[in-house]
């Protein structure tokens, strides 16, 4: 008998009919002798509806009250799913994050889980019932409702699986697994049977939207076997697990990309100690995350300093930098929001040389110019002009032999 934690996203529970479909799936696992804990999101569109209601009253609602409001979406789903399970003869009990006592810090709208009291869950499982827990939410030491940020139900599921030492945490979504790249751009993309936590973390951070990045971090930290599956079709999905030492890993697992990038360049910066901090310090204090950074070799006492931020932060970043540019004696500030980042990711890069050369050659042959380059142990990223994004992704997918064979496409699509 296995203990399984299943998470269903908003599209999976978006209607009563879909909730009943989820109940049937959960019932099959329970009747096969498994213990099942289900974590659910709000029904699709519900969180946005609640946020819109709040903003009809107040442009900037207080974070505490926003958390109290949006957490109700998951509470609706847990109760309805429990009813659907009861209706087909499966004993079930629903819980909010505060009832289970998913204890978090007090950072409203982006709280982090500190600990989980699993005693009520274990007691219900021991009695043969299914436990349905509201995702995305918890409670702080003062009893205030908190939420974990968009996509936080993934993190809830992984955290509960870690607390229970579950055999597997299954994330049901509207896709049937993790692909070598976005199938909407490359129709020969393949579903991966297995991917390591490290690779999935890089894919998620580089723009893959299959899983919330914090959930992957949590799963890797506590070694929770994680599987991504489709709510709407049967299949094995993709298993995300620890790297196996004896596994002959492919050099590259996938091609990730991110359109949500903007570049800022400070030209003619005096090449003196501490100038990088003078530029990036105010950016960090404004909670703007910096991704790639390049500083050119200084010439005649001056250098150019370039870094990337999320596209939505570029206007604010420019406002912050304009007085800084004047104060450090730099010549000019430029920004470019028409860029994108493309990355090749794979643990096999540790034991295979020539990946960068192969990537750069493939892009050069189709006329894609690289503006910035960043590397890590299992990833190489380049910033390019946004217009060339899809060409670059298709080119690299083919260059690293990730395209599915024609006979395989029918099975995975």
Protein backbone atom coordinates (compact mmCIF):
# COMPACT_ATOMS: atom_id res chain seq x y z
CA UNK A 1 0.00 0.00 0.00
CA UNK A 2 1.41 3.38 -1.06
CA UNK A 3 0.75 6.81 0.42
CA UNK A 4 0.14 9.21 -2.43
CA UNK A 5 -0.40 12.97 -2.41
CA UNK A 6 -2.27 14.23 -5.47
CA UNK A 7 -2.61 17.88 -6.47
CA UNK A 8 -5.23 19.14 -8.92
CA UNK A 9 -4.96 22.60 -10.46
CA UNK A 10 -7.69 25.07 -11.31
CA UNK A 11 -8.49 23.73 -14.77
CA UNK A 12 -8.73 20.19 -13.37
CA UNK A 13 -11.45 21.26 -10.91
CA UNK A 14 -12.96 24.06 -12.97
CA UNK A 15 -16.51 22.64 -13.19
CA UNK A 16 -18.71 20.25 -11.24
CA UNK A 17 -18.26 17.71 -14.02
CA UNK A 18 -14.47 17.94 -13.73
CA UNK A 19 -14.67 17.68 -9.94
CA UNK A 20 -16.66 14.46 -10.36
CA UNK A 21 -14.02 13.19 -12.78
CA UNK A 22 -11.31 13.93 -10.19
CA UNK A 23 -13.38 12.12 -7.53
CA UNK A 24 -13.56 9.02 -9.74
CA UNK A 25 -9.79 9.07 -10.25
CA UNK A 26 -9.11 9.48 -6.52
CA UNK A 27 -11.58 6.68 -5.76
CA UNK A 28 -9.71 4.28 -8.06
CA UNK A 29 -6.47 4.86 -6.16
CA UNK A 30 -8.21 4.51 -2.80
CA UNK A 31 -10.00 1.32 -3.83
CA UNK A 32 -6.69 -0.12 -5.06
CA UNK A 33 -5.57 0.03 -1.43
CA UNK A 34 -3.59 3.27 -1.49
CA UNK A 35 -3.84 6.04 1.09
CA UNK A 36 -4.64 9.29 -0.72
CA UNK A 37 -4.31 12.94 0.27
CA UNK A 38 -5.66 15.42 -2.29
CA UNK A 39 -4.55 19.06 -2.51
CA UNK A 40 -6.71 21.33 -4.67
CA UNK A 41 -6.53 24.79 -6.16
CA UNK A 42 -9.44 27.16 -6.57
CA UNK A 43 -11.69 26.51 -9.56
CA UNK A 44 -10.23 28.12 -12.70
CA UNK A 45 -10.86 31.86 -12.81
CA UNK A 46 -12.03 32.07 -9.20
CA UNK A 47 -8.92 33.69 -7.74
CA UNK A 48 -8.93 36.33 -10.47
CA UNK A 49 -12.63 36.97 -9.80
CA UNK A 50 -11.98 37.51 -6.10
CA UNK A 51 -9.06 39.86 -6.79
CA UNK A 52 -11.21 41.87 -9.20
CA UNK A 53 -13.93 42.20 -6.54
CA UNK A 54 -11.41 43.51 -4.04
CA UNK A 55 -10.11 46.10 -6.48
CA UNK A 56 -13.60 47.37 -7.14
CA UNK A 57 -13.51 48.49 -3.51
CA UNK A 58 -9.87 49.45 -3.08
CA UNK A 59 -7.07 49.95 -5.62
CA UNK A 60 -4.47 48.55 -3.23
CA UNK A 61 -6.22 46.23 -0.74
CA UNK A 62 -4.27 45.43 2.41
CA UNK A 63 -2.29 42.18 2.00
CA UNK A 64 -3.83 40.60 5.13
CA UNK A 65 -7.38 41.03 3.86
CA UNK A 66 -6.42 39.94 0.34
CA UNK A 67 -5.10 36.66 1.74
CA UNK A 68 -8.26 36.17 3.78
CA UNK A 69 -10.32 36.77 0.63
CA UNK A 70 -8.50 34.70 -1.99
CA UNK A 71 -8.03 31.72 0.35
CA UNK A 72 -11.79 31.14 0.18
CA UNK A 73 -11.48 29.90 -3.41
CA UNK A 74 -9.68 26.72 -2.35
CA UNK A 75 -12.08 26.18 0.54
CA UNK A 76 -14.96 25.95 -1.94
CA UNK A 77 -13.11 23.33 -3.99
CA UNK A 78 -12.19 21.15 -1.00
CA UNK A 79 -15.80 20.99 0.19
CA UNK A 80 -17.20 20.26 -3.27
CA UNK A 81 -14.64 17.52 -3.96
CA UNK A 82 -15.34 15.91 -0.57
CA UNK A 83 -19.05 15.92 -1.44
CA UNK A 84 -18.29 14.34 -4.81
CA UNK A 85 -16.29 11.59 -3.10
CA UNK A 86 -19.06 10.94 -0.56
CA UNK A 87 -21.49 10.68 -3.45
CA UNK A 88 -19.60 7.70 -4.89
CA UNK A 89 -19.16 5.98 -1.54
CA UNK A 90 -15.67 7.18 -0.60
CA UNK A 91 -15.31 8.66 2.93
CA UNK A 92 -13.57 12.02 2.70
CA UNK A 93 -12.96 15.05 4.87
CA UNK A 94 -11.95 18.55 3.77
CA UNK A 95 -9.54 20.88 5.56
CA UNK A 96 -8.36 24.44 5.08
CA UNK A 97 -4.68 25.26 5.53
CA UNK A 98 -5.36 26.61 9.01
CA UNK A 99 -7.31 23.48 10.07
CA UNK A 100 -4.44 21.21 9.08
CA UNK A 101 -2.17 23.87 10.55
CA UNK A 102 0.18 24.55 7.71
CA UNK A 103 2.25 27.01 9.71
CA UNK A 104 3.86 29.82 7.68
CA UNK A 105 5.66 33.06 8.28
CA UNK A 106 3.65 36.30 8.15
CA UNK A 107 4.68 37.46 4.66
CA UNK A 108 1.17 37.95 3.27
CA UNK A 109 0.65 36.98 -0.41
CA UNK A 110 4.05 35.21 -0.53
CA UNK A 111 4.32 33.30 2.75
CA UNK A 112 6.73 30.42 3.25
CA UNK A 113 5.88 27.18 5.02
CA UNK A 114 7.65 26.56 8.34
CA UNK A 115 6.05 23.30 9.47
CA UNK A 116 2.98 21.12 9.04
CA UNK A 117 1.02 19.36 11.76
CA UNK A 118 0.18 16.07 10.04
CA UNK A 119 -1.64 14.43 12.97
CA UNK A 120 -5.19 15.04 11.69
CA UNK A 121 -4.27 13.85 8.20
CA UNK A 122 -2.70 10.64 9.54
CA UNK A 123 -5.69 9.97 11.79
CA UNK A 124 -8.14 10.24 8.89
CA UNK A 125 -5.97 8.08 6.64
CA UNK A 126 -5.74 5.43 9.35
CA UNK A 127 -9.55 5.30 9.40
CA UNK A 128 -9.60 4.61 5.66
CA UNK A 129 -10.69 8.03 4.47
CA UNK A 130 -9.44 10.40 1.78
CA UNK A 131 -8.15 13.75 3.04
CA UNK A 132 -8.78 16.83 0.89
CA UNK A 133 -6.63 19.86 1.77
CA UNK A 134 -6.88 23.42 0.45
CA UNK A 135 -3.72 24.34 -1.41
CA UNK A 136 -2.04 27.75 -1.63
CA UNK A 137 -2.71 28.74 2.00
CA UNK A 138 -1.61 28.44 5.60
CA UNK A 139 -1.75 30.26 8.90
CA UNK A 140 0.84 32.26 10.84
CA UNK A 141 1.65 32.18 14.55
CA UNK A 142 -1.01 34.82 15.24
CA UNK A 143 -3.74 32.83 13.50
CA UNK A 144 -3.85 35.03 10.38
CA UNK A 145 -4.63 33.36 7.06
CA UNK A 146 -1.68 33.54 4.66
CA UNK A 147 -1.18 32.54 1.03
CA UNK A 148 1.91 31.17 -0.69
CA UNK A 149 1.80 33.10 -3.98
CA UNK A 150 0.37 32.11 -7.35
CA UNK A 151 0.96 28.43 -8.04
CA UNK A 152 1.34 27.83 -4.31
CA UNK A 153 -0.85 24.73 -4.34
CA UNK A 154 2.09 22.85 -5.89
CA UNK A 155 4.20 23.82 -2.88
CA UNK A 156 1.43 22.80 -0.46
CA UNK A 157 1.25 19.35 -2.05
CA UNK A 158 5.02 18.81 -1.96
CA UNK A 159 5.26 20.05 1.64
CA UNK A 160 2.49 17.68 2.78
CA UNK A 161 4.15 14.82 0.88
CA UNK A 162 7.43 15.60 2.65
CA UNK A 163 5.76 15.76 6.07
CA UNK A 164 3.98 12.44 5.49
CA UNK A 165 7.01 10.82 3.80
CA UNK A 166 4.70 9.97 0.92
CA UNK A 167 5.75 7.46 -1.71
CA UNK A 168 4.94 9.93 -4.49
CA UNK A 169 3.54 13.41 -5.03
CA UNK A 170 1.47 13.59 -8.21
CA UNK A 171 0.80 16.98 -9.80
CA UNK A 172 -2.19 16.81 -12.17
CA UNK A 173 -2.34 19.63 -14.70
CA UNK A 174 -3.60 20.34 -18.21
CA UNK A 175 -0.40 18.90 -19.73
CA UNK A 176 0.65 15.27 -19.68
CA UNK A 177 4.19 15.78 -18.47
CA UNK A 178 7.37 17.80 -18.92
CA UNK A 179 8.48 18.22 -22.51
CA UNK A 180 11.87 18.85 -24.06
CA UNK A 181 10.48 22.29 -24.92
CA UNK A 182 7.09 23.95 -25.44
CA UNK A 183 5.17 21.76 -27.95
CA UNK A 184 3.33 24.86 -29.14
CA UNK A 185 6.62 26.11 -30.62
CA UNK A 186 8.26 22.81 -31.54
CA UNK A 187 5.74 20.21 -32.66
CA UNK A 188 8.40 17.48 -32.44
CA UNK A 189 9.00 18.10 -28.71
CA UNK A 190 9.02 14.89 -26.66
CA UNK A 191 7.54 14.13 -23.28
CA UNK A 192 10.33 13.19 -20.89
CA UNK A 193 9.87 9.99 -18.89
CA UNK A 194 12.22 11.26 -16.21
CA UNK A 195 14.04 14.48 -15.32
CA UNK A 196 16.20 15.37 -12.35
CA UNK A 197 15.27 17.97 -9.74
CA UNK A 198 18.21 20.09 -10.86
CA UNK A 199 17.11 20.05 -14.48
CA UNK A 200 13.49 20.78 -13.59
CA UNK A 201 14.60 23.63 -11.35
CA UNK A 202 16.56 25.17 -14.19
CA UNK A 203 13.71 24.61 -16.66
CA UNK A 204 11.25 26.23 -14.24
CA UNK A 205 13.52 29.20 -13.51
CA UNK A 206 14.15 29.71 -17.22
CA UNK A 207 10.46 30.01 -18.05
CA UNK A 208 8.88 26.53 -18.06
CA UNK A 209 5.46 27.03 -16.42
CA UNK A 210 4.63 23.38 -15.66
CA UNK A 211 5.50 23.64 -11.94
CA UNK A 212 5.95 26.46 -9.46
CA UNK A 213 9.69 26.80 -8.88
CA UNK A 214 9.36 26.76 -5.07
CA UNK A 215 7.65 23.37 -5.22
CA UNK A 216 10.57 21.92 -7.19
CA UNK A 217 13.05 23.38 -4.67
CA UNK A 218 11.04 21.87 -1.80
CA UNK A 219 10.79 18.48 -3.50
CA UNK A 220 14.52 18.41 -4.17
CA UNK A 221 15.40 19.43 -0.62
CA UNK A 222 13.28 16.67 0.93
CA UNK A 223 13.75 14.10 -1.87
CA UNK A 224 10.01 13.84 -2.62
CA UNK A 225 9.42 11.86 -5.83
CA UNK A 226 7.36 14.21 -7.99
CA UNK A 227 5.31 13.19 -11.02
CA UNK A 228 3.57 15.52 -13.49
CA UNK A 229 0.44 14.02 -15.08
CA UNK A 230 -2.58 15.10 -17.10
CA UNK A 231 -6.02 15.37 -15.50
CA UNK A 232 -7.64 14.77 -18.85
CA UNK A 233 -5.83 11.77 -20.32
CA UNK A 234 -4.21 8.63 -18.98
CA UNK A 235 -0.47 8.20 -19.13
CA UNK A 236 2.71 7.81 -17.04
CA UNK A 237 3.56 11.52 -17.07
CA UNK A 238 7.07 12.67 -16.13
CA UNK A 239 8.87 11.60 -12.94
CA UNK A 240 11.06 14.25 -11.32
CA UNK A 241 13.60 12.60 -9.08
CA UNK A 242 17.14 12.61 -7.75
CA UNK A 243 19.98 12.15 -10.23
CA UNK A 244 21.04 8.53 -10.43
CA UNK A 245 24.78 8.01 -10.44
CA UNK A 246 24.62 5.06 -12.79
CA UNK A 247 22.14 6.65 -15.15
CA UNK A 248 23.48 7.41 -18.63
CA UNK A 249 22.02 10.89 -18.76
CA UNK A 250 21.44 12.53 -22.11
CA UNK A 251 23.63 15.58 -22.59
CA UNK A 252 20.66 17.95 -22.84
CA UNK A 253 17.25 17.36 -21.25
CA UNK A 254 15.48 20.31 -22.80
CA UNK A 255 15.40 23.80 -24.25
CA UNK A 256 13.86 26.44 -21.99
CA UNK A 257 13.04 30.02 -22.88
CA UNK A 258 11.66 33.18 -21.34
CA UNK A 259 10.11 36.13 -23.14
CA UNK A 260 9.70 38.09 -19.91
CA UNK A 261 13.12 39.73 -20.06
CA UNK A 262 14.45 43.28 -20.40
CA UNK A 263 18.01 44.54 -20.57
CA UNK A 264 19.52 47.67 -19.04
CA UNK A 265 22.96 48.97 -19.99
CA UNK A 266 24.91 51.70 -18.22
CA UNK A 267 27.49 53.06 -20.67
CA UNK A 268 30.74 54.74 -19.78
CA UNK A 269 30.87 53.70 -16.13
CA UNK A 270 34.05 54.74 -14.28
CA UNK A 271 36.02 51.51 -13.79
CA UNK A 272 36.53 51.83 -10.04
CA UNK A 273 35.98 49.45 -7.10
CA UNK A 274 32.43 49.44 -5.77
CA UNK A 275 30.74 50.89 -8.84
CA UNK A 276 28.80 47.67 -9.51
CA UNK A 277 27.29 47.88 -6.03
CA UNK A 278 26.38 51.52 -6.57
CA UNK A 279 24.39 50.46 -9.65
CA UNK A 280 22.82 47.22 -8.40
CA UNK A 281 22.42 48.11 -4.71
CA UNK A 282 19.41 50.43 -5.26
CA UNK A 283 17.89 47.85 -7.64
CA UNK A 284 18.08 45.14 -4.96
CA UNK A 285 16.68 47.47 -2.30
CA UNK A 286 13.63 47.95 -4.54
CA UNK A 287 13.11 44.13 -4.58
CA UNK A 288 13.82 43.95 -8.30
CA UNK A 289 15.48 40.65 -9.16
CA UNK A 290 18.52 40.80 -11.41
CA UNK A 291 19.27 37.82 -13.62
CA UNK A 292 22.23 37.96 -16.01
CA UNK A 293 25.07 40.47 -15.50
CA UNK A 294 27.91 41.42 -17.83
CA UNK A 295 30.66 43.97 -17.25
CA UNK A 296 32.94 44.64 -20.19
CA UNK A 297 36.70 44.95 -19.87
CA UNK A 298 37.58 48.48 -18.89
CA UNK A 299 39.18 50.79 -21.45
CA UNK A 300 40.70 54.17 -20.63
CA UNK A 301 39.22 54.01 -17.14
CA UNK A 302 35.62 53.30 -18.23
CA UNK A 303 33.47 50.22 -18.80
CA UNK A 304 29.91 49.23 -19.78
CA UNK A 305 27.65 47.43 -17.31
CA UNK A 306 24.66 45.37 -18.53
CA UNK A 307 22.09 43.33 -16.64
CA UNK A 308 18.63 41.85 -17.17
CA UNK A 309 15.44 42.13 -15.13
CA UNK A 310 11.86 40.96 -15.57
CA UNK A 311 10.18 42.99 -18.31
CA UNK A 312 7.57 44.31 -15.91
CA UNK A 313 10.33 45.84 -13.76
CA UNK A 314 12.23 47.72 -16.47
CA UNK A 315 10.40 51.06 -16.12
CA UNK A 316 10.84 51.08 -12.34
CA UNK A 317 14.49 50.00 -12.70
CA UNK A 318 15.16 52.84 -15.13
CA UNK A 319 13.58 55.37 -12.76
CA UNK A 320 15.86 54.12 -9.98
CA UNK A 321 18.99 54.13 -12.15
CA UNK A 322 18.68 57.56 -13.76
CA UNK A 323 19.93 59.48 -10.69
CA UNK A 324 22.51 56.74 -10.02
CA UNK A 325 23.96 57.13 -13.53
CA UNK A 326 24.46 60.83 -12.91
CA UNK A 327 25.95 60.31 -9.44
CA UNK A 328 28.59 57.76 -10.56
CA UNK A 329 29.53 59.83 -13.59
CA UNK A 330 28.39 57.32 -16.24
CA UNK A 331 27.73 58.49 -19.79
CA UNK A 332 24.32 57.01 -20.65
CA UNK A 333 21.56 54.57 -19.64
CA UNK A 334 19.85 52.39 -22.26
CA UNK A 335 17.09 49.81 -21.97
CA UNK A 336 15.78 47.15 -24.33
CA UNK A 337 12.56 45.22 -23.65
CA UNK A 338 12.60 43.38 -26.99
CA UNK A 339 14.84 40.54 -25.89
CA UNK A 340 14.36 36.92 -24.86
CA UNK A 341 16.44 34.28 -23.11
CA UNK A 342 17.03 30.78 -24.45
CA UNK A 343 18.71 28.05 -22.39
CA UNK A 344 19.93 24.51 -22.93
CA UNK A 345 19.62 22.44 -19.75
CA UNK A 346 21.00 19.01 -18.84
CA UNK A 347 22.92 17.25 -16.08
CA UNK A 348 24.80 15.41 -18.84
CA UNK A 349 26.72 18.63 -19.49
CA UNK A 350 28.85 17.75 -16.45
CA UNK A 351 30.46 14.89 -18.34
CA UNK A 352 30.22 16.11 -21.94
CA UNK A 353 32.35 18.87 -23.43
CA UNK A 354 31.57 21.03 -26.43
CA UNK A 355 27.97 21.89 -25.52
CA UNK A 356 28.57 25.65 -25.66
CA UNK A 357 30.39 25.43 -28.98
CA UNK A 358 27.59 23.33 -30.46
CA UNK A 359 24.96 25.78 -29.22
CA UNK A 360 26.79 28.85 -30.52
CA UNK A 361 27.48 27.25 -33.90
CA UNK A 362 23.83 26.23 -34.37
CA UNK A 363 22.61 29.76 -33.61
CA UNK A 364 25.22 31.41 -35.83
CA UNK A 365 24.23 29.21 -38.79
CA UNK A 366 20.67 30.61 -38.71
CA UNK A 367 21.79 34.20 -38.13
CA UNK A 368 20.84 34.54 -34.45
CA UNK A 369 23.09 37.02 -32.66
CA UNK A 370 23.85 36.44 -28.97
CA UNK A 371 23.85 39.60 -26.86
CA UNK A 372 24.66 38.03 -23.48
CA UNK A 373 25.86 34.60 -22.30
CA UNK A 374 25.53 32.96 -18.89
CA UNK A 375 26.62 29.47 -17.83
CA UNK A 376 26.25 27.15 -14.87
CA UNK A 377 27.17 23.52 -14.30
CA UNK A 378 24.07 22.20 -16.08
CA UNK A 379 22.82 25.20 -18.10
CA UNK A 380 23.90 27.64 -20.81
CA UNK A 381 21.71 30.69 -21.41
CA UNK A 382 21.89 33.35 -24.09
CA UNK A 383 20.00 36.61 -24.53
CA UNK A 384 18.85 37.24 -28.08
CA UNK A 385 16.53 39.57 -29.97
CA UNK A 386 12.95 38.51 -29.22
CA UNK A 387 12.04 38.23 -32.91
CA UNK A 388 14.43 35.28 -33.23
CA UNK A 389 13.15 33.35 -30.20
CA UNK A 390 11.12 30.65 -31.95
CA UNK A 391 13.80 30.14 -34.62
CA UNK A 392 16.43 29.73 -31.90
CA UNK A 393 14.37 27.23 -29.90
CA UNK A 394 13.60 25.08 -32.96
CA UNK A 395 17.21 25.22 -34.12
CA UNK A 396 18.63 24.15 -30.76
CA UNK A 397 15.98 21.45 -30.30
CA UNK A 398 17.13 19.88 -33.58
CA UNK A 399 20.84 20.51 -33.02
CA UNK A 400 20.78 18.60 -29.72
CA UNK A 401 18.75 15.74 -31.27
CA UNK A 402 15.67 16.24 -29.10
CA UNK A 403 13.12 15.97 -31.93
CA UNK A 404 10.74 13.03 -31.62
CA UNK A 405 10.70 10.39 -34.31
CA UNK A 406 7.55 10.57 -36.49
CA UNK A 407 6.21 7.30 -35.07
CA UNK A 408 6.53 8.67 -31.49
CA UNK A 409 4.49 11.81 -32.04
CA UNK A 410 1.10 10.12 -31.97
CA UNK A 411 1.74 8.61 -28.55
CA UNK A 412 2.81 11.80 -26.81
CA UNK A 413 0.63 14.43 -28.46
